[in-house]
Amino acid sequence: MNVQVFYDSRCGVCRKEIEFYKRLDRENRIDWLDIFDEQHRKKFPDTTESLLKVLHVRGKDGQIHLGVDAFVVMWSFLPRPFTLFAKVAKFPIVYSVLGWGYQIFAERRYKRLYCEIR
């Protein structure tokens, strides 16, 4: 089983980033699953709303990884320098900073794209 990345194709930033990663995945080690593609819905590990809030990746072992952990798994299956990024991201201080930054980004992105402002 390949690693599976569940991504939001309606988010411009997300779509551009995933397109970049897809071009790097020349060995096709990752299955890129658009969460708005009905054809993939049965493969989803969670509700669409949950998938919209943070990046989800299913590892080769079937385990679901979220947020920064999802990026670490995904990067470890891409060529250098991303394999190095995956290793560096596991250092506690780096992991904490990435987690903090990603949480802020993810919350703002979700609110901007999918929540009504009253």
PDB file of N, CA and C in Angstrom:
ATOM      1  N   MET A   1       0.839  -1.187   0.000  1.00  0.00           N
ATOM      2  CA  MET A   1       0.000   0.000   0.000  1.00  0.00           C
ATOM      3  C   MET A   1       0.881   1.246   0.000  1.00  0.00           C
ATOM      4  N   ASN A   2       0.543   2.193  -0.846  1.00  0.00           N
ATOM      5  CA  ASN A   2       1.236   3.473  -0.868  1.00  0.00           C
ATOM      6  C   ASN A   2       0.769   4.343   0.297  1.00  0.00           C
ATOM      7  N   VAL A   3       1.574   5.337   0.619  1.00  0.00           N
ATOM      8  CA  VAL A   3       1.146   6.393   1.531  1.00  0.00           C
ATOM      9  C   VAL A   3       0.004   7.128   0.833  1.00  0.00           C
ATOM     10  N   GLN A   4      -0.994   7.545   1.595  1.00  0.00           N
ATOM     11  CA  GLN A   4      -2.133   8.282   1.025  1.00  0.00           C
ATOM     12  C   GLN A   4      -2.193   9.668   1.658  1.00  0.00           C
ATOM     13  N   VAL A   5      -2.205  10.696   0.810  1.00  0.00           N
ATOM     14  CA  VAL A   5      -2.325  12.077   1.263  1.00  0.00           C
ATOM     15  C   VAL A   5      -3.717  12.560   0.874  1.00  0.00           C
ATOM     16  N   PHE A   6      -4.483  13.013   1.870  1.00  0.00           N
ATOM     17  CA  PHE A   6      -5.835  13.532   1.659  1.00  0.00           C
ATOM     18  C   PHE A   6      -5.750  15.048   1.670  1.00  0.00           C
ATOM     19  N   TYR A   7      -6.019  15.682   0.533  1.00  0.00           N
ATOM     20  CA  TYR A   7      -5.808  17.128   0.444  1.00  0.00           C
ATOM     21  C   TYR A   7      -7.047  17.857  -0.058  1.00  0.00           C
ATOM     22  N   ASP A   8      -7.091  19.145   0.246  1.00  0.00           N
ATOM     23  CA  ASP A   8      -8.201  20.031  -0.099  1.00  0.00           C
ATOM     24  C   ASP A   8      -7.881  20.758  -1.401  1.00  0.00           C
ATOM     25  N   SER A   9      -8.497  20.312  -2.492  1.00  0.00           N
ATOM     26  CA  SER A   9      -8.230  20.909  -3.804  1.00  0.00           C
ATOM     27  C   SER A   9      -8.896  22.272  -3.977  1.00  0.00           C
ATOM     28  N   ARG A  10      -9.793  22.642  -3.073  1.00  0.00           N
ATOM     29  CA  ARG A  10     -10.468  23.941  -3.170  1.00  0.00           C
ATOM     30  C   ARG A  10      -9.671  25.060  -2.511  1.00  0.00           C
ATOM     31  N   CYS A  11      -8.639  24.703  -1.800  1.00  0.00           N
ATOM     32  CA  CYS A  11      -7.747  25.678  -1.166  1.00  0.00           C
ATOM     33  C   CYS A  11      -6.594  25.935  -2.128  1.00  0.00           C
ATOM     34  N   GLY A  12      -6.454  27.167  -2.590  1.00  0.00           N
ATOM     35  CA  GLY A  12      -5.413  27.496  -3.564  1.00  0.00           C
ATOM     36  C   GLY A  12      -4.010  27.185  -3.076  1.00  0.00           C
ATOM     37  N   VAL A  13      -3.695  27.548  -1.835  1.00  0.00           N
ATOM     38  CA  VAL A  13      -2.368  27.289  -1.275  1.00  0.00           C
ATOM     39  C   VAL A  13      -2.118  25.783  -1.196  1.00  0.00           C
ATOM     40  N   CYS A  14      -3.111  25.064  -0.695  1.00  0.00           N
ATOM     41  CA  CYS A  14      -2.982  23.606  -0.549  1.00  0.00           C
ATOM     42  C   CYS A  14      -2.777  22.949  -1.915  1.00  0.00           C
ATOM     43  N   ARG A  15      -3.590  23.355  -2.880  1.00  0.00           N
ATOM     44  CA  ARG A  15      -3.526  22.774  -4.224  1.00  0.00           C
ATOM     45  C   ARG A  15      -2.148  23.008  -4.853  1.00  0.00           C
ATOM     46  N   LYS A  16      -1.626  24.234  -4.738  1.00  0.00           N
ATOM     47  CA  LYS A  16      -0.310  24.528  -5.315  1.00  0.00           C
ATOM     48  C   LYS A  16       0.792  23.724  -4.637  1.00  0.00           C
ATOM     49  N   GLU A  17       0.716  23.611  -3.318  1.00  0.00           N
ATOM     50  CA  GLU A  17       1.725  22.849  -2.587  1.00  0.00           C
ATOM     51  C   GLU A  17       1.681  21.369  -2.975  1.00  0.00           C
ATOM     52  N   ILE A  18       0.496  20.807  -3.059  1.00  0.00           N
ATOM     53  CA  ILE A  18       0.357  19.394  -3.426  1.00  0.00           C
ATOM     54  C   ILE A  18       0.826  19.169  -4.864  1.00  0.00           C
ATOM     55  N   GLU A  19       0.506  20.079  -5.759  1.00  0.00           N
ATOM     56  CA  GLU A  19       0.983  19.955  -7.148  1.00  0.00           C
ATOM     57  C   GLU A  19       2.516  19.931  -7.186  1.00  0.00           C
ATOM     58  N   PHE A  20       3.133  20.756  -6.368  1.00  0.00           N
ATOM     59  CA  PHE A  20       4.596  20.769  -6.264  1.00  0.00           C
ATOM     60  C   PHE A  20       5.112  19.408  -5.790  1.00  0.00           C
ATOM     61  N   TYR A  21       4.509  18.878  -4.728  1.00  0.00           N
ATOM     62  CA  TYR A  21       4.921  17.578  -4.202  1.00  0.00           C
ATOM     63  C   TYR A  21       4.680  16.455  -5.214  1.00  0.00           C
ATOM     64  N   LYS A  22       3.565  16.525  -5.934  1.00  0.00           N
ATOM     65  CA  LYS A  22       3.271  15.495  -6.942  1.00  0.00           C
ATOM     66  C   LYS A  22       4.376  15.426  -7.998  1.00  0.00           C
ATOM     67  N   ARG A  23       4.856  16.587  -8.422  1.00  0.00           N
ATOM     68  CA  ARG A  23       5.929  16.603  -9.427  1.00  0.00           C
ATOM     69  C   ARG A  23       7.205  15.952  -8.893  1.00  0.00           C
ATOM     70  N   LEU A  24       7.434  16.052  -7.598  1.00  0.00           N
ATOM     71  CA  LEU A  24       8.614  15.441  -6.989  1.00  0.00           C
ATOM     72  C   LEU A  24       8.470  13.928  -6.807  1.00  0.00           C
ATOM     73  N   ASP A  25       7.251  13.459  -6.733  1.00  0.00           N
ATOM     74  CA  ASP A  25       6.961  12.043  -6.477  1.00  0.00           C
ATOM     75  C   ASP A  25       7.061  11.231  -7.774  1.00  0.00           C
ATOM     76  N   ARG A  26       8.235  11.209  -8.352  1.00  0.00           N
ATOM     77  CA  ARG A  26       8.442  10.529  -9.640  1.00  0.00           C
ATOM     78  C   ARG A  26       8.332   9.019  -9.549  1.00  0.00           C
ATOM     79  N   GLU A  27       8.525   8.483  -8.357  1.00  0.00           N
ATOM     80  CA  GLU A  27       8.416   7.031  -8.169  1.00  0.00           C
ATOM     81  C   GLU A  27       6.991   6.602  -7.792  1.00  0.00           C
ATOM     82  N   ASN A  28       6.079   7.561  -7.753  1.00  0.00           N
ATOM     83  CA  ASN A  28       4.673   7.278  -7.415  1.00  0.00           C
ATOM     84  C   ASN A  28       4.529   6.483  -6.123  1.00  0.00           C
ATOM     85  N   ARG A  29       5.196   6.962  -5.092  1.00  0.00           N
ATOM     86  CA  ARG A  29       5.143   6.310  -3.788  1.00  0.00           C
ATOM     87  C   ARG A  29       3.974   6.803  -2.942  1.00  0.00           C
ATOM     88  N   ILE A  30       3.314   7.861  -3.435  1.00  0.00           N
ATOM     89  CA  ILE A  30       2.223   8.489  -2.683  1.00  0.00           C
ATOM     90  C   ILE A  30       0.973   8.527  -3.550  1.00  0.00           C
ATOM     91  N   ASP A  31      -0.166   8.175  -2.954  1.00  0.00           N
ATOM     92  CA  ASP A  31      -1.467   8.347  -3.611  1.00  0.00           C
ATOM     93  C   ASP A  31      -2.028   9.682  -3.142  1.00  0.00           C
ATOM     94  N   TRP A  32      -2.324  10.565  -4.082  1.00  0.00           N
ATOM     95  CA  TRP A  32      -2.806  11.914  -3.789  1.00  0.00           C
ATOM     96  C   TRP A  32      -4.318  11.912  -3.935  1.00  0.00           C
ATOM     97  N   LEU A  33      -5.046  12.025  -2.835  1.00  0.00           N
ATOM     98  CA  LEU A  33      -6.501  11.885  -2.840  1.00  0.00           C
ATOM     99  C   LEU A  33      -7.179  13.213  -2.497  1.00  0.00           C
ATOM    100  N   ASP A  34      -7.839  13.769  -3.483  1.00  0.00           N
ATOM    101  CA  ASP A  34      -8.588  15.011  -3.329  1.00  0.00           C
ATOM    102  C   ASP A  34      -9.834  14.704  -2.504  1.00  0.00           C
ATOM    103  N   ILE A  35     -10.024  15.384  -1.398  1.00  0.00           N
ATOM    104  CA  ILE A  35     -11.150  15.070  -0.523  1.00  0.00           C
ATOM    105  C   ILE A  35     -12.497  15.466  -1.126  1.00  0.00           C
ATOM    106  N   PHE A  36     -12.485  16.219  -2.226  1.00  0.00           N
ATOM    107  CA  PHE A  36     -13.738  16.570  -2.896  1.00  0.00           C
ATOM    108  C   PHE A  36     -14.031  15.665  -4.088  1.00  0.00           C
ATOM    109  N   ASP A  37     -13.203  14.688  -4.327  1.00  0.00           N
ATOM    110  CA  ASP A  37     -13.415  13.734  -5.410  1.00  0.00           C
ATOM    111  C   ASP A  37     -14.244  12.569  -4.870  1.00  0.00           C
ATOM    112  N   GLU A  38     -15.494  12.480  -5.305  1.00  0.00           N
ATOM    113  CA  GLU A  38     -16.412  11.447  -4.814  1.00  0.00           C
ATOM    114  C   GLU A  38     -15.854  10.030  -5.007  1.00  0.00           C
ATOM    115  N   GLN A  39     -15.036   9.853  -6.015  1.00  0.00           N
ATOM    116  CA  GLN A  39     -14.447   8.552  -6.322  1.00  0.00           C
ATOM    117  C   GLN A  39     -13.568   8.052  -5.164  1.00  0.00           C
ATOM    118  N   HIS A  40     -13.000   8.970  -4.391  1.00  0.00           N
ATOM    119  CA  HIS A  40     -12.096   8.602  -3.301  1.00  0.00           C
ATOM    120  C   HIS A  40     -12.786   8.522  -1.941  1.00  0.00           C
ATOM    121  N   ARG A  41     -14.037   8.913  -1.863  1.00  0.00           N
ATOM    122  CA  ARG A  41     -14.716   9.067  -0.564  1.00  0.00           C
ATOM    123  C   ARG A  41     -14.634   7.810   0.310  1.00  0.00           C
ATOM    124  N   LYS A  42     -14.714   6.635  -0.268  1.00  0.00           N
ATOM    125  CA  LYS A  42     -14.686   5.408   0.541  1.00  0.00           C
ATOM    126  C   LYS A  42     -13.325   5.164   1.190  1.00  0.00           C
ATOM    127  N   LYS A  43     -12.304   5.847   0.711  1.00  0.00           N
ATOM    128  CA  LYS A  43     -10.958   5.682   1.276  1.00  0.00           C
ATOM    129  C   LYS A  43     -10.689   6.638   2.431  1.00  0.00           C
ATOM    130  N   PHE A  44     -11.613   7.570   2.677  1.00  0.00           N
ATOM    131  CA  PHE A  44     -11.376   8.604   3.675  1.00  0.00           C
ATOM    132  C   PHE A  44     -11.314   8.026   5.085  1.00  0.00           C
ATOM    133  N   PRO A  45     -10.330   8.475   5.858  1.00  0.00           N
ATOM    134  CA  PRO A  45     -10.203   7.990   7.223  1.00  0.00           C
ATOM    135  C   PRO A  45     -11.095   8.731   8.212  1.00  0.00           C
ATOM    136  N   ASP A  46     -11.763   9.787   7.760  1.00  0.00           N
ATOM    137  CA  ASP A  46     -12.504  10.639   8.692  1.00  0.00           C
ATOM    138  C   ASP A  46     -13.585  11.392   7.923  1.00  0.00           C
ATOM    139  N   THR A  47     -14.317  12.246   8.615  1.00  0.00           N
ATOM    140  CA  THR A  47     -15.345  13.057   7.970  1.00  0.00           C
ATOM    141  C   THR A  47     -14.686  14.117   7.088  1.00  0.00           C
ATOM    142  N   THR A  48     -15.419  14.594   6.113  1.00  0.00           N
ATOM    143  CA  THR A  48     -14.888  15.645   5.240  1.00  0.00           C
ATOM    144  C   THR A  48     -14.521  16.874   6.058  1.00  0.00           C
ATOM    145  N   GLU A  49     -15.344  17.243   7.028  1.00  0.00           N
ATOM    146  CA  GLU A  49     -15.050  18.419   7.847  1.00  0.00           C
ATOM    147  C   GLU A  49     -13.719  18.267   8.569  1.00  0.00           C
ATOM    148  N   SER A  50     -13.482  17.122   9.141  1.00  0.00           N
ATOM    149  CA  SER A  50     -12.210  16.878   9.828  1.00  0.00           C
ATOM    150  C   SER A  50     -11.038  16.949   8.848  1.00  0.00           C
ATOM    151  N   LEU A  51     -11.245  16.380   7.652  1.00  0.00           N
ATOM    152  CA  LEU A  51     -10.199  16.411   6.636  1.00  0.00           C
ATOM    153  C   LEU A  51      -9.893  17.832   6.190  1.00  0.00           C
ATOM    154  N   LEU A  52     -10.871  18.716   6.253  1.00  0.00           N
ATOM    155  CA  LEU A  52     -10.672  20.110   5.863  1.00  0.00           C
ATOM    156  C   LEU A  52      -9.863  20.893   6.894  1.00  0.00           C
ATOM    157  N   LYS A  53      -9.897  20.468   8.124  1.00  0.00           N
ATOM    158  CA  LYS A  53      -9.256  21.233   9.194  1.00  0.00           C
ATOM    159  C   LYS A  53      -7.748  21.076   9.244  1.00  0.00           C
ATOM    160  N   VAL A  54      -7.246  19.887   9.000  1.00  0.00           N
ATOM    161  CA  VAL A  54      -5.797  19.644   8.999  1.00  0.00           C
ATOM    162  C   VAL A  54      -5.463  18.576   7.965  1.00  0.00           C
ATOM    163  N   LEU A  55      -4.230  18.603   7.506  1.00  0.00           N
ATOM    164  CA  LEU A  55      -3.760  17.596   6.560  1.00  0.00           C
ATOM    165  C   LEU A  55      -3.791  16.216   7.219  1.00  0.00           C
ATOM    166  N   HIS A  56      -4.306  15.236   6.486  1.00  0.00           N
ATOM    167  CA  HIS A  56      -4.331  13.842   6.926  1.00  0.00           C
ATOM    168  C   HIS A  56      -3.482  13.013   5.968  1.00  0.00           C
ATOM    169  N   VAL A  57      -2.682  12.123   6.522  1.00  0.00           N
ATOM    170  CA  VAL A  57      -1.895  11.176   5.726  1.00  0.00           C
ATOM    171  C   VAL A  57      -2.056   9.800   6.348  1.00  0.00           C
ATOM    172  N   ARG A  58      -2.322   8.812   5.504  1.00  0.00           N
ATOM    173  CA  ARG A  58      -2.346   7.419   5.956  1.00  0.00           C
ATOM    174  C   ARG A  58      -1.010   6.811   5.567  1.00  0.00           C
ATOM    175  N   GLY A  59      -0.266   6.353   6.572  1.00  0.00           N
ATOM    176  CA  GLY A  59       1.045   5.751   6.326  1.00  0.00           C
ATOM    177  C   GLY A  59       0.921   4.372   5.706  1.00  0.00           C
ATOM    178  N   LYS A  60       2.049   3.834   5.297  1.00  0.00           N
ATOM    179  CA  LYS A  60       2.056   2.494   4.696  1.00  0.00           C
ATOM    180  C   LYS A  60       1.501   1.435   5.650  1.00  0.00           C
ATOM    181  N   ASP A  61       1.629   1.705   6.951  1.00  0.00           N
ATOM    182  CA  ASP A  61       1.132   0.769   7.963  1.00  0.00           C
ATOM    183  C   ASP A  61      -0.362   0.950   8.250  1.00  0.00           C
ATOM    184  N   GLY A  62      -0.998   1.916   7.571  1.00  0.00           N
ATOM    185  CA  GLY A  62      -2.419   2.166   7.762  1.00  0.00           C
ATOM    186  C   GLY A  62      -2.735   3.198   8.836  1.00  0.00           C
ATOM    187  N   GLN A  63      -1.723   3.610   9.587  1.00  0.00           N
ATOM    188  CA  GLN A  63      -1.926   4.597  10.656  1.00  0.00           C
ATOM    189  C   GLN A  63      -2.186   5.983  10.060  1.00  0.00           C
ATOM    190  N   ILE A  64      -3.107   6.736  10.681  1.00  0.00           N
ATOM    191  CA  ILE A  64      -3.430   8.087  10.245  1.00  0.00           C
ATOM    192  C   ILE A  64      -2.557   9.081  11.008  1.00  0.00           C
ATOM    193  N   HIS A  65      -1.969  10.014  10.263  1.00  0.00           N
ATOM    194  CA  HIS A  65      -1.130  11.073  10.827  1.00  0.00           C
ATOM    195  C   HIS A  65      -1.774  12.412  10.480  1.00  0.00           C
ATOM    196  N   LEU A  66      -1.751  13.342  11.431  1.00  0.00           N
ATOM    197  CA  LEU A  66      -2.402  14.634  11.254  1.00  0.00           C
ATOM    198  C   LEU A  66      -1.403  15.780  11.359  1.00  0.00           C
ATOM    199  N   GLY A  67      -1.689  16.873  10.636  1.00  0.00           N
ATOM    200  CA  GLY A  67      -0.903  18.097  10.769  1.00  0.00           C
ATOM    201  C   GLY A  67       0.572  17.896  10.463  1.00  0.00           C
ATOM    202  N   VAL A  68       1.414  18.346  11.374  1.00  0.00           N
ATOM    203  CA  VAL A  68       2.866  18.249  11.177  1.00  0.00           C
ATOM    204  C   VAL A  68       3.296  16.796  11.027  1.00  0.00           C
ATOM    205  N   ASP A  69       2.692  15.911  11.800  1.00  0.00           N
ATOM    206  CA  ASP A  69       3.022  14.483  11.673  1.00  0.00           C
ATOM    207  C   ASP A  69       2.727  13.991  10.254  1.00  0.00           C
ATOM    208  N   ALA A  70       1.659  14.504   9.656  1.00  0.00           N
ATOM    209  CA  ALA A  70       1.310  14.131   8.280  1.00  0.00           C
ATOM    210  C   ALA A  70       2.380  14.608   7.310  1.00  0.00           C
ATOM    211  N   PHE A  71       2.857  15.840   7.502  1.00  0.00           N
ATOM    212  CA  PHE A  71       3.925  16.350   6.640  1.00  0.00           C
ATOM    213  C   PHE A  71       5.195  15.516   6.785  1.00  0.00           C
ATOM    214  N   VAL A  72       5.529  15.144   8.002  1.00  0.00           N
ATOM    215  CA  VAL A  72       6.744  14.345   8.233  1.00  0.00           C
ATOM    216  C   VAL A  72       6.664  13.027   7.477  1.00  0.00           C
ATOM    217  N   VAL A  73       5.519  12.361   7.554  1.00  0.00           N
ATOM    218  CA  VAL A  73       5.357  11.091   6.831  1.00  0.00           C
ATOM    219  C   VAL A  73       5.451  11.340   5.325  1.00  0.00           C
ATOM    220  N   MET A  74       4.725  12.328   4.828  1.00  0.00           N
ATOM    221  CA  MET A  74       4.734  12.627   3.393  1.00  0.00           C
ATOM    222  C   MET A  74       6.155  12.969   2.921  1.00  0.00           C
ATOM    223  N   TRP A  75       6.832  13.864   3.640  1.00  0.00           N
ATOM    224  CA  TRP A  75       8.189  14.268   3.246  1.00  0.00           C
ATOM    225  C   TRP A  75       9.155  13.088   3.221  1.00  0.00           C
ATOM    226  N   SER A  76       8.951  12.116   4.102  1.00  0.00           N
ATOM    227  CA  SER A  76       9.875  10.979   4.157  1.00  0.00           C
ATOM    228  C   SER A  76       9.775  10.087   2.913  1.00  0.00           C
ATOM    229  N   PHE A  77       8.718  10.268   2.107  1.00  0.00           N
ATOM    230  CA  PHE A  77       8.569   9.499   0.872  1.00  0.00           C
ATOM    231  C   PHE A  77       8.857  10.323  -0.381  1.00  0.00           C
ATOM    232  N   LEU A  78       9.323  11.541  -0.182  1.00  0.00           N
ATOM    233  CA  LEU A  78       9.727  12.402  -1.298  1.00  0.00           C
ATOM    234  C   LEU A  78      11.252  12.434  -1.364  1.00  0.00           C
ATOM    235  N   PRO A  79      11.813  12.809  -2.508  1.00  0.00           N
ATOM    236  CA  PRO A  79      13.275  12.848  -2.615  1.00  0.00           C
ATOM    237  C   PRO A  79      13.887  13.967  -1.770  1.00  0.00           C
ATOM    238  N   ARG A  80      15.201  13.915  -1.666  1.00  0.00           N
ATOM    239  CA  ARG A  80      15.919  14.983  -0.973  1.00  0.00           C
ATOM    240  C   ARG A  80      15.601  16.315  -1.594  1.00  0.00           C
ATOM    241  N   PRO A  81      15.529  17.374  -0.856  1.00  0.00           N
ATOM    242  CA  PRO A  81      15.862  17.559   0.558  1.00  0.00           C
ATOM    243  C   PRO A  81      14.730  17.218   1.517  1.00  0.00           C
ATOM    244  N   PHE A  82      13.582  16.750   1.004  1.00  0.00           N
ATOM    245  CA  PHE A  82      12.434  16.526   1.877  1.00  0.00           C
ATOM    246  C   PHE A  82      12.646  15.394   2.867  1.00  0.00           C
ATOM    247  N   THR A  83      13.412  14.380   2.507  1.00  0.00           N
ATOM    248  CA  THR A  83      13.710  13.331   3.490  1.00  0.00           C
ATOM    249  C   THR A  83      14.499  13.930   4.651  1.00  0.00           C
ATOM    250  N   LEU A  84      15.360  14.877   4.340  1.00  0.00           N
ATOM    251  CA  LEU A  84      16.103  15.580   5.393  1.00  0.00           C
ATOM    252  C   LEU A  84      15.151  16.441   6.222  1.00  0.00           C
ATOM    253  N   PHE A  85      14.238  17.145   5.574  1.00  0.00           N
ATOM    254  CA  PHE A  85      13.246  17.950   6.297  1.00  0.00           C
ATOM    255  C   PHE A  85      12.473  17.075   7.282  1.00  0.00           C
ATOM    256  N   ALA A  86      12.109  15.879   6.841  1.00  0.00           N
ATOM    257  CA  ALA A  86      11.346  14.964   7.704  1.00  0.00           C
ATOM    258  C   ALA A  86      12.152  14.619   8.959  1.00  0.00           C
ATOM    259  N   LYS A  87      13.437  14.396   8.796  1.00  0.00           N
ATOM    260  CA  LYS A  87      14.284  14.063   9.954  1.00  0.00           C
ATOM    261  C   LYS A  87      14.454  15.257  10.883  1.00  0.00           C
ATOM    262  N   VAL A  88      14.699  16.425  10.306  1.00  0.00           N
ATOM    263  CA  VAL A  88      14.893  17.640  11.109  1.00  0.00           C
ATOM    264  C   VAL A  88      13.606  18.009  11.835  1.00  0.00           C
ATOM    265  N   ALA A  89      12.464  17.816  11.188  1.00  0.00           N
ATOM    266  CA  ALA A  89      11.173  18.169  11.786  1.00  0.00           C
ATOM    267  C   ALA A  89      10.879  17.369  13.049  1.00  0.00           C
ATOM    268  N   LYS A  90      11.558  16.248  13.231  1.00  0.00           N
ATOM    269  CA  LYS A  90      11.329  15.412  14.414  1.00  0.00           C
ATOM    270  C   LYS A  90      12.073  15.911  15.653  1.00  0.00           C
ATOM    271  N   PHE A  91      13.026  16.830  15.485  1.00  0.00           N
ATOM    272  CA  PHE A  91      13.708  17.402  16.655  1.00  0.00           C
ATOM    273  C   PHE A  91      12.677  18.173  17.471  1.00  0.00           C
ATOM    274  N   PRO A  92      12.674  17.983  18.784  1.00  0.00           N
ATOM    275  CA  PRO A  92      11.603  18.565  19.603  1.00  0.00           C
ATOM    276  C   PRO A  92      11.353  20.064  19.394  1.00  0.00           C
ATOM    277  N   ILE A  93      12.383  20.878  19.358  1.00  0.00           N
ATOM    278  CA  ILE A  93      12.165  22.319  19.217  1.00  0.00           C
ATOM    279  C   ILE A  93      11.618  22.646  17.824  1.00  0.00           C
ATOM    280  N   VAL A  94      12.127  21.984  16.811  1.00  0.00           N
ATOM    281  CA  VAL A  94      11.651  22.203  15.439  1.00  0.00           C
ATOM    282  C   VAL A  94      10.200  21.733  15.327  1.00  0.00           C
ATOM    283  N   TYR A  95       9.922  20.573  15.885  1.00  0.00           N
ATOM    284  CA  TYR A  95       8.570  20.019  15.858  1.00  0.00           C
ATOM    285  C   TYR A  95       7.581  20.971  16.537  1.00  0.00           C
ATOM    286  N   SER A  96       7.971  21.523  17.666  1.00  0.00           N
ATOM    287  CA  SER A  96       7.106  22.456  18.385  1.00  0.00           C
ATOM    288  C   SER A  96       6.812  23.708  17.570  1.00  0.00           C
ATOM    289  N   VAL A  97       7.838  24.280  16.967  1.00  0.00           N
ATOM    290  CA  VAL A  97       7.660  25.489  16.161  1.00  0.00           C
ATOM    291  C   VAL A  97       6.799  25.191  14.937  1.00  0.00           C
ATOM    292  N   LEU A  98       7.082  24.085  14.251  1.00  0.00           N
ATOM    293  CA  LEU A  98       6.267  23.706  13.094  1.00  0.00           C
ATOM    294  C   LEU A  98       4.814  23.468  13.497  1.00  0.00           C
ATOM    295  N   GLY A  99       4.612  22.790  14.620  1.00  0.00           N
ATOM    296  CA  GLY A  99       3.261  22.520  15.097  1.00  0.00           C
ATOM    297  C   GLY A  99       2.503  23.792  15.407  1.00  0.00           C
ATOM    298  N   TRP A 100       3.159  24.730  16.065  1.00  0.00           N
ATOM    299  CA  TRP A 100       2.548  26.009  16.394  1.00  0.00           C
ATOM    300  C   TRP A 100       2.180  26.763  15.108  1.00  0.00           C
ATOM    301  N   GLY A 101       3.134  26.864  14.187  1.00  0.00           N
ATOM    302  CA  GLY A 101       2.893  27.575  12.933  1.00  0.00           C
ATOM    303  C   GLY A 101       1.803  26.926  12.098  1.00  0.00           C
ATOM    304  N   TYR A 102       1.828  25.614  12.016  1.00  0.00           N
ATOM    305  CA  TYR A 102       0.815  24.907  11.218  1.00  0.00           C
ATOM    306  C   TYR A 102      -0.570  25.068  11.835  1.00  0.00           C
ATOM    307  N   GLN A 103      -0.667  25.000  13.145  1.00  0.00           N
ATOM    308  CA  GLN A 103      -1.968  25.144  13.801  1.00  0.00           C
ATOM    309  C   GLN A 103      -2.579  26.514  13.497  1.00  0.00           C
ATOM    310  N   ILE A 104      -1.773  27.559  13.561  1.00  0.00           N
ATOM    311  CA  ILE A 104      -2.265  28.907  13.247  1.00  0.00           C
ATOM    312  C   ILE A 104      -2.725  28.968  11.790  1.00  0.00           C
ATOM    313  N   PHE A 105      -1.885  28.467  10.874  1.00  0.00           N
ATOM    314  CA  PHE A 105      -2.241  28.473   9.457  1.00  0.00           C
ATOM    315  C   PHE A 105      -3.536  27.695   9.212  1.00  0.00           C
ATOM    316  N   ALA A 106      -3.600  26.479   9.746  1.00  0.00           N
ATOM    317  CA  ALA A 106      -4.744  25.600   9.487  1.00  0.00           C
ATOM    318  C   ALA A 106      -6.051  26.199  10.016  1.00  0.00           C
ATOM    319  N   GLU A 107      -6.013  26.763  11.212  1.00  0.00           N
ATOM    320  CA  GLU A 107      -7.223  27.363  11.773  1.00  0.00           C
ATOM    321  C   GLU A 107      -7.681  28.552  10.941  1.00  0.00           C
ATOM    322  N   ARG A 108      -6.771  29.413  10.551  1.00  0.00           N
ATOM    323  CA  ARG A 108      -7.129  30.593   9.746  1.00  0.00           C
ATOM    324  C   ARG A 108      -7.622  30.191   8.364  1.00  0.00           C
ATOM    325  N   ARG A 109      -6.968  29.222   7.760  1.00  0.00           N
ATOM    326  CA  ARG A 109      -7.366  28.752   6.429  1.00  0.00           C
ATOM    327  C   ARG A 109      -8.783  28.194   6.475  1.00  0.00           C
ATOM    328  N   TYR A 110      -9.062  27.350   7.464  1.00  0.00           N
ATOM    329  CA  TYR A 110     -10.381  26.742   7.583  1.00  0.00           C
ATOM    330  C   TYR A 110     -11.457  27.816   7.792  1.00  0.00           C
ATOM    331  N   LYS A 111     -11.207  28.736   8.703  1.00  0.00           N
ATOM    332  CA  LYS A 111     -12.189  29.793   8.973  1.00  0.00           C
ATOM    333  C   LYS A 111     -12.417  30.648   7.734  1.00  0.00           C
ATOM    334  N   ARG A 112     -11.356  30.982   7.024  1.00  0.00           N
ATOM    335  CA  ARG A 112     -11.469  31.831   5.844  1.00  0.00           C
ATOM    336  C   ARG A 112     -12.239  31.143   4.718  1.00  0.00           C
ATOM    337  N   LEU A 113     -11.994  29.853   4.519  1.00  0.00           N
ATOM    338  CA  LEU A 113     -12.599  29.147   3.391  1.00  0.00           C
ATOM    339  C   LEU A 113     -13.951  28.506   3.685  1.00  0.00           C
ATOM    340  N   TYR A 114     -14.176  28.091   4.929  1.00  0.00           N
ATOM    341  CA  TYR A 114     -15.338  27.243   5.171  1.00  0.00           C
ATOM    342  C   TYR A 114     -16.276  27.685   6.295  1.00  0.00           C
ATOM    343  N   CYS A 115     -15.951  28.759   6.981  1.00  0.00           N
ATOM    344  CA  CYS A 115     -16.835  29.227   8.052  1.00  0.00           C
ATOM    345  C   CYS A 115     -17.467  30.547   7.663  1.00  0.00           C
ATOM    346  N   GLU A 116     -18.731  30.685   7.973  1.00  0.00           N
ATOM    347  CA  GLU A 116     -19.429  31.938   7.710  1.00  0.00           C
ATOM    348  C   GLU A 116     -19.007  32.971   8.752  1.00  0.00           C
ATOM    349  N   ILE A 117     -18.795  34.182   8.306  1.00  0.00           N
ATOM    350  CA  ILE A 117     -18.490  35.274   9.211  1.00  0.00           C
ATOM    351  C   ILE A 117     -19.802  35.973   9.525  1.00  0.00           C
ATOM    352  N   ARG A 118     -20.106  36.133  10.785  1.00  0.00           N
ATOM    353  CA  ARG A 118     -21.383  36.747  11.193  1.00  0.00           C
ATOM    354  C   ARG A 118     -21.186  38.169  11.611  1.00  0.00           C
TER     355      ARG A 118
END
